[in-house]
Amino acid sequence: MLVPVQKAEASFVKIQLSHPLSIRSTLVFWLVLLISQTQGGLEAKATGPSTVVGDLGSPQGGINFGNPGYGYAQEFTISSGLWTISQAWISLGDSATMPGPPLFQVRNTLGSSVGPGATVLGSFILNPNDIPTGFNFANILAPANSPFMLGPGTYWLCIGNNQPVGGFWVPMATDNTLVQGGIAGIINTTAVALSSNGGQTFSPPSLGGWALITQLDGTQVPEPQVWALLAVGCVCFRLGRTPRSKSFGLL
């Protein structure tokens, strides 16, 4: 049944398509949730990189040398998370000053019984002048040439004396004294491989029960759900900036 509307009264019905407050409320909700999810990651960034794998607190159990042409590779495993690696540490002494930096890389694995592969996943800059002279040792910091990412898997940290003269001492820890302080992985003490060409290639692991005293540092990449929350927050922000709700008048 149709009910006539008297135009004289000019009844005006307002139809609101959307309410700005509902959009603002949604935006606030998602932003608060996003902040709560990422607070831990922001705090981690504020305090610098974390120790991903390895530990410099291991006592020295033996010493080897790195004359020209020598090299060592240490197997390690990352068990969880995706990490941006920014720096590495290694304990070294100076047997004779090298004219340039040694090779210092992370490579892929061909297997624990085979050794490192040829694929370089990331490299570090180690200043030979930071190595103390004489029969002394120090933990040497080597920043990455550029930060690189490592996820769960097994890798090799390779150091090689590719300089024509000079060399370094390499202290090692035994498997029963090795400290494992990394929050995302372990050093594998069953696999240390040797090189006779400055770290270009390595023979199958032959120093079982020993490990290089080394450490990899980095920051964890946010998990996918955090990125999803950020995307939702951006969408809500965009909606909040749309023109105010439209109204239609019906006479």
Protein backbone atom coordinates (compact mmCIF):
# COMPACT_ATOMS: atom_id res chain seq x y z
CA MET A 1 0.00 0.00 0.00
CA LEU A 2 1.40 3.37 -1.00
CA VAL A 3 1.29 6.19 1.50
CA PRO A 4 1.33 9.67 -0.08
CA VAL A 5 3.87 12.16 1.15
CA GLN A 6 2.73 15.75 1.46
CA LYS A 7 5.22 18.01 -0.26
CA ALA A 8 4.04 20.96 1.78
CA GLU A 9 5.61 19.47 4.88
CA ALA A 10 8.86 18.94 2.93
CA SER A 11 9.70 15.87 4.94
CA PHE A 12 13.42 15.27 4.55
CA VAL A 13 14.84 11.78 5.04
CA LYS A 14 18.64 11.58 5.40
CA ILE A 15 20.38 8.40 4.38
CA GLN A 16 23.95 8.13 5.66
CA LEU A 17 26.14 5.74 3.74
CA SER A 18 28.97 5.41 6.28
CA HIS A 19 29.88 6.73 9.68
CA PRO A 20 33.27 8.41 10.13
CA LEU A 21 33.46 7.31 13.78
CA SER A 22 33.24 3.63 12.83
CA ILE A 23 36.20 4.00 10.48
CA ARG A 24 38.23 5.89 13.08
CA SER A 25 37.43 3.27 15.69
CA THR A 26 38.53 0.49 13.38
CA LEU A 27 41.73 2.36 12.58
CA VAL A 28 42.56 2.84 16.26
CA PHE A 29 41.85 -0.83 16.99
CA TRP A 30 44.19 -2.12 14.30
CA LEU A 31 46.95 0.35 15.09
CA VAL A 32 46.87 -0.61 18.78
CA LEU A 33 47.01 -4.28 17.82
CA LEU A 34 49.88 -3.62 15.42
CA ILE A 35 51.87 -1.79 18.08
CA SER A 36 51.34 -4.60 20.57
CA GLN A 37 52.52 -7.19 18.05
CA THR A 38 55.66 -5.31 17.00
CA GLN A 39 56.73 -3.89 20.35
CA GLY A 40 59.13 -6.76 20.98
CA GLY A 41 60.79 -6.30 17.61
CA LEU A 42 61.18 -2.55 18.12
CA GLU A 43 62.78 -3.12 21.51
CA ALA A 44 65.21 -5.61 19.95
CA LYS A 45 66.23 -3.09 17.29
CA ALA A 46 66.77 -0.44 19.96
CA THR A 47 69.30 -2.66 21.76
CA GLY A 48 71.17 -3.72 18.62
CA PRO A 49 71.56 -7.08 16.89
CA SER A 50 71.11 -10.39 18.70
CA THR A 51 73.47 -13.35 18.77
CA VAL A 52 71.90 -15.64 16.18
CA VAL A 53 74.38 -18.51 16.49
CA GLY A 54 77.71 -19.08 18.25
CA ASP A 55 79.30 -17.61 21.36
CA LEU A 56 82.59 -15.85 22.07
CA GLY A 57 82.73 -17.09 25.66
CA SER A 58 84.14 -20.50 24.82
CA PRO A 59 87.56 -21.25 26.35
CA GLN A 60 90.40 -22.03 23.97
CA GLY A 61 91.16 -25.72 23.75
CA GLY A 62 93.64 -25.72 20.88
CA ILE A 63 95.38 -23.46 18.39
CA ASN A 64 96.05 -23.87 14.68
CA PHE A 65 97.57 -21.54 12.11
CA GLY A 66 96.41 -19.75 8.98
CA ASN A 67 99.48 -19.21 6.85
CA PRO A 68 98.99 -18.15 3.20
CA GLY A 69 96.83 -20.72 1.46
CA TYR A 70 95.23 -22.06 4.65
CA GLY A 71 91.57 -21.78 5.51
CA TYR A 72 88.93 -23.13 7.89
CA ALA A 73 85.18 -23.64 7.62
CA GLN A 74 82.79 -24.07 10.54
CA GLU A 75 79.38 -25.68 10.04
CA PHE A 76 76.39 -24.13 11.83
CA THR A 77 72.63 -24.58 11.78
CA ILE A 78 69.81 -22.05 12.13
CA SER A 79 66.74 -23.82 13.48
CA SER A 80 64.12 -21.07 13.55
CA GLY A 81 63.25 -17.64 12.22
CA LEU A 82 64.40 -15.51 9.30
CA TRP A 83 67.40 -13.34 10.19
CA THR A 84 69.18 -10.37 8.67
CA ILE A 85 72.85 -11.00 9.39
CA SER A 86 74.80 -7.79 9.96
CA GLN A 87 78.13 -8.85 11.48
CA ALA A 88 80.35 -11.74 12.51
CA TRP A 89 82.95 -12.27 15.22
CA ILE A 90 85.90 -14.63 15.30
CA SER A 91 88.73 -15.14 17.78
CA LEU A 92 92.13 -14.71 16.10
CA GLY A 93 95.78 -14.02 16.88
CA ASP A 94 98.42 -12.52 14.59
CA SER A 95 101.27 -14.80 13.53
CA ALA A 96 102.46 -12.32 10.87
CA THR A 97 100.64 -9.22 9.66
CA MET A 98 98.73 -9.70 6.41
CA PRO A 99 98.75 -6.95 3.76
CA GLY A 100 94.99 -7.24 3.22
CA PRO A 101 91.82 -8.74 4.69
CA PRO A 102 91.31 -12.50 4.67
CA LEU A 103 88.40 -14.19 2.96
CA PHE A 104 85.46 -14.33 5.41
CA GLN A 105 82.14 -15.68 4.08
CA VAL A 106 78.96 -17.67 4.71
CA ARG A 107 78.43 -20.39 2.10
CA ASN A 108 75.90 -23.05 1.30
CA THR A 109 76.42 -26.65 2.37
CA LEU A 110 77.09 -29.76 0.33
CA GLY A 111 76.46 -31.88 3.42
CA SER A 112 78.10 -32.36 6.82
CA SER A 113 80.36 -35.06 5.43
CA VAL A 114 81.28 -33.08 2.30
CA GLY A 115 81.81 -29.48 3.38
CA PRO A 116 80.98 -26.01 2.06
CA GLY A 117 79.68 -25.35 -1.42
CA ALA A 118 80.77 -22.60 -3.79
CA THR A 119 77.71 -20.35 -3.33
CA VAL A 120 78.55 -17.27 -1.25
CA LEU A 121 75.46 -16.19 0.71
CA GLY A 122 77.13 -13.27 2.44
CA SER A 123 80.59 -11.90 3.22
CA PHE A 124 82.29 -9.85 5.94
CA ILE A 125 85.08 -7.29 6.05
CA LEU A 126 87.78 -8.29 8.55
CA ASN A 127 90.49 -5.71 9.13
CA PRO A 128 93.80 -7.57 9.67
CA ASN A 129 95.10 -4.62 11.68
CA ASP A 130 92.51 -5.44 14.36
CA ILE A 131 94.25 -8.75 15.10
CA PRO A 132 96.62 -8.28 18.07
CA THR A 133 100.31 -8.86 17.34
CA GLY A 134 102.33 -11.61 18.92
CA PHE A 135 100.91 -14.73 20.45
CA ASN A 136 97.81 -12.88 21.66
CA PHE A 137 94.16 -13.34 20.82
CA ALA A 138 91.10 -11.11 20.52
CA ASN A 139 87.52 -11.34 19.33
CA ILE A 140 87.57 -9.54 15.98
CA LEU A 141 84.41 -7.83 14.71
CA ALA A 142 83.77 -8.08 10.97
CA PRO A 143 80.75 -6.15 9.62
CA ALA A 144 78.92 -7.58 6.63
CA ASN A 145 79.70 -6.10 3.23
CA SER A 146 75.94 -5.71 3.03
CA PRO A 147 73.34 -7.30 5.34
CA PHE A 148 71.98 -10.61 4.09
CA MET A 149 69.23 -12.98 5.18
CA LEU A 150 69.48 -16.53 6.45
CA GLY A 151 66.54 -18.79 7.28
CA PRO A 152 66.36 -22.25 8.84
CA GLY A 153 69.04 -24.51 7.40
CA THR A 154 72.69 -25.56 7.60
CA TYR A 155 75.53 -23.30 6.44
CA TRP A 156 79.30 -22.89 6.65
CA LEU A 157 81.25 -19.91 8.00
CA CYS A 158 84.49 -19.84 6.01
CA ILE A 159 87.72 -17.97 6.70
CA GLY A 160 90.77 -18.24 4.47
CA ASN A 161 94.15 -16.56 4.16
CA ASN A 162 94.12 -15.53 0.52
CA GLN A 163 96.99 -13.07 1.01
CA PRO A 164 100.48 -13.77 -0.40
CA VAL A 165 102.23 -13.22 2.95
CA GLY A 166 101.32 -13.07 6.63
CA GLY A 167 98.95 -15.18 8.61
CA PHE A 168 96.88 -15.65 11.74
CA TRP A 169 96.47 -18.03 14.65
CA VAL A 170 93.08 -19.74 14.98
CA PRO A 171 91.99 -20.75 18.50
CA MET A 172 89.41 -23.52 18.77
CA ALA A 173 87.15 -24.94 21.44
CA THR A 174 86.46 -28.59 22.12
CA ASP A 175 82.92 -29.87 21.81
CA ASN A 176 82.60 -30.30 25.60
CA THR A 177 83.68 -26.71 26.35
CA LEU A 178 81.91 -24.93 23.50
CA VAL A 179 79.39 -22.35 24.70
CA GLN A 180 76.18 -22.19 22.66
CA GLY A 181 74.68 -18.77 23.32
CA GLY A 182 72.86 -18.22 20.02
CA ILE A 183 69.11 -17.78 20.23
CA ALA A 184 68.32 -19.30 16.82
CA GLY A 185 70.82 -22.06 16.14
CA ILE A 186 73.94 -24.02 17.06
CA ILE A 187 77.56 -24.50 16.07
CA ASN A 188 78.09 -28.07 14.84
CA THR A 189 81.20 -29.40 16.54
CA THR A 190 81.39 -32.49 14.35
CA ALA A 191 82.42 -30.52 11.28
CA VAL A 192 85.43 -28.25 10.72
CA ALA A 193 86.76 -28.35 7.16
CA LEU A 194 90.21 -27.28 5.94
CA SER A 195 91.38 -25.44 2.83
CA SER A 196 94.77 -25.42 1.14
CA ASN A 197 94.02 -22.64 -1.36
CA GLY A 198 93.06 -19.72 0.84
CA GLY A 199 89.43 -20.71 1.29
CA GLN A 200 88.46 -21.10 -2.34
CA THR A 201 87.61 -24.78 -1.85
CA PHE A 202 87.52 -27.04 1.21
CA SER A 203 88.23 -30.70 1.80
CA PRO A 204 85.70 -32.88 3.68
CA PRO A 205 85.56 -32.11 7.42
CA SER A 206 88.47 -33.62 9.31
CA LEU A 207 88.54 -31.89 12.70
CA GLY A 208 85.61 -33.53 14.47
CA GLY A 209 85.11 -32.56 18.09
CA TRP A 210 86.46 -29.03 17.57
CA ALA A 211 84.87 -25.72 16.69
CA LEU A 212 86.00 -22.24 15.72
CA ILE A 213 85.28 -19.64 18.39
CA THR A 214 82.93 -17.46 16.40
CA GLN A 215 79.55 -15.75 16.43
CA LEU A 216 76.97 -14.37 13.97
CA ASP A 217 74.78 -11.41 14.90
CA GLY A 218 71.60 -10.12 13.30
CA THR A 219 68.01 -9.05 13.70
CA GLN A 220 64.91 -11.15 13.15
CA VAL A 221 62.70 -10.35 10.18
CA PRO A 222 59.05 -9.75 11.27
CA GLU A 223 56.75 -12.71 10.78
CA PRO A 224 54.09 -12.60 8.02
CA GLN A 225 51.22 -11.87 10.41
CA VAL A 226 52.92 -8.64 11.48
CA TRP A 227 53.16 -7.50 7.86
CA ALA A 228 49.49 -8.42 7.43
CA LEU A 229 48.53 -6.24 10.37
CA LEU A 230 50.57 -3.40 8.93
CA ALA A 231 48.77 -3.75 5.60
CA VAL A 232 45.37 -3.70 7.32
CA GLY A 233 46.41 -0.61 9.25
CA CYS A 234 47.38 1.14 6.02
CA VAL A 235 44.02 0.25 4.45
CA CYS A 236 42.16 1.59 7.47
CA PHE A 237 44.21 4.77 7.34
CA ARG A 238 43.32 5.21 3.67
CA LEU A 239 39.65 4.69 4.40
CA GLY A 240 39.83 7.22 7.18
CA ARG A 241 41.05 9.81 4.68
CA THR A 242 38.14 9.34 2.24
CA PRO A 243 35.64 12.21 1.93
CA ARG A 244 33.08 12.48 4.69
CA SER A 245 29.93 10.41 4.25
CA LYS A 246 27.45 11.55 1.63
CA SER A 247 23.77 12.21 2.24
CA PHE A 248 20.79 12.11 -0.08
CA GLY A 249 17.63 14.07 0.52
CA LEU A 250 14.27 12.52 -0.37
CA LEU A 251 11.26 14.73 -0.60
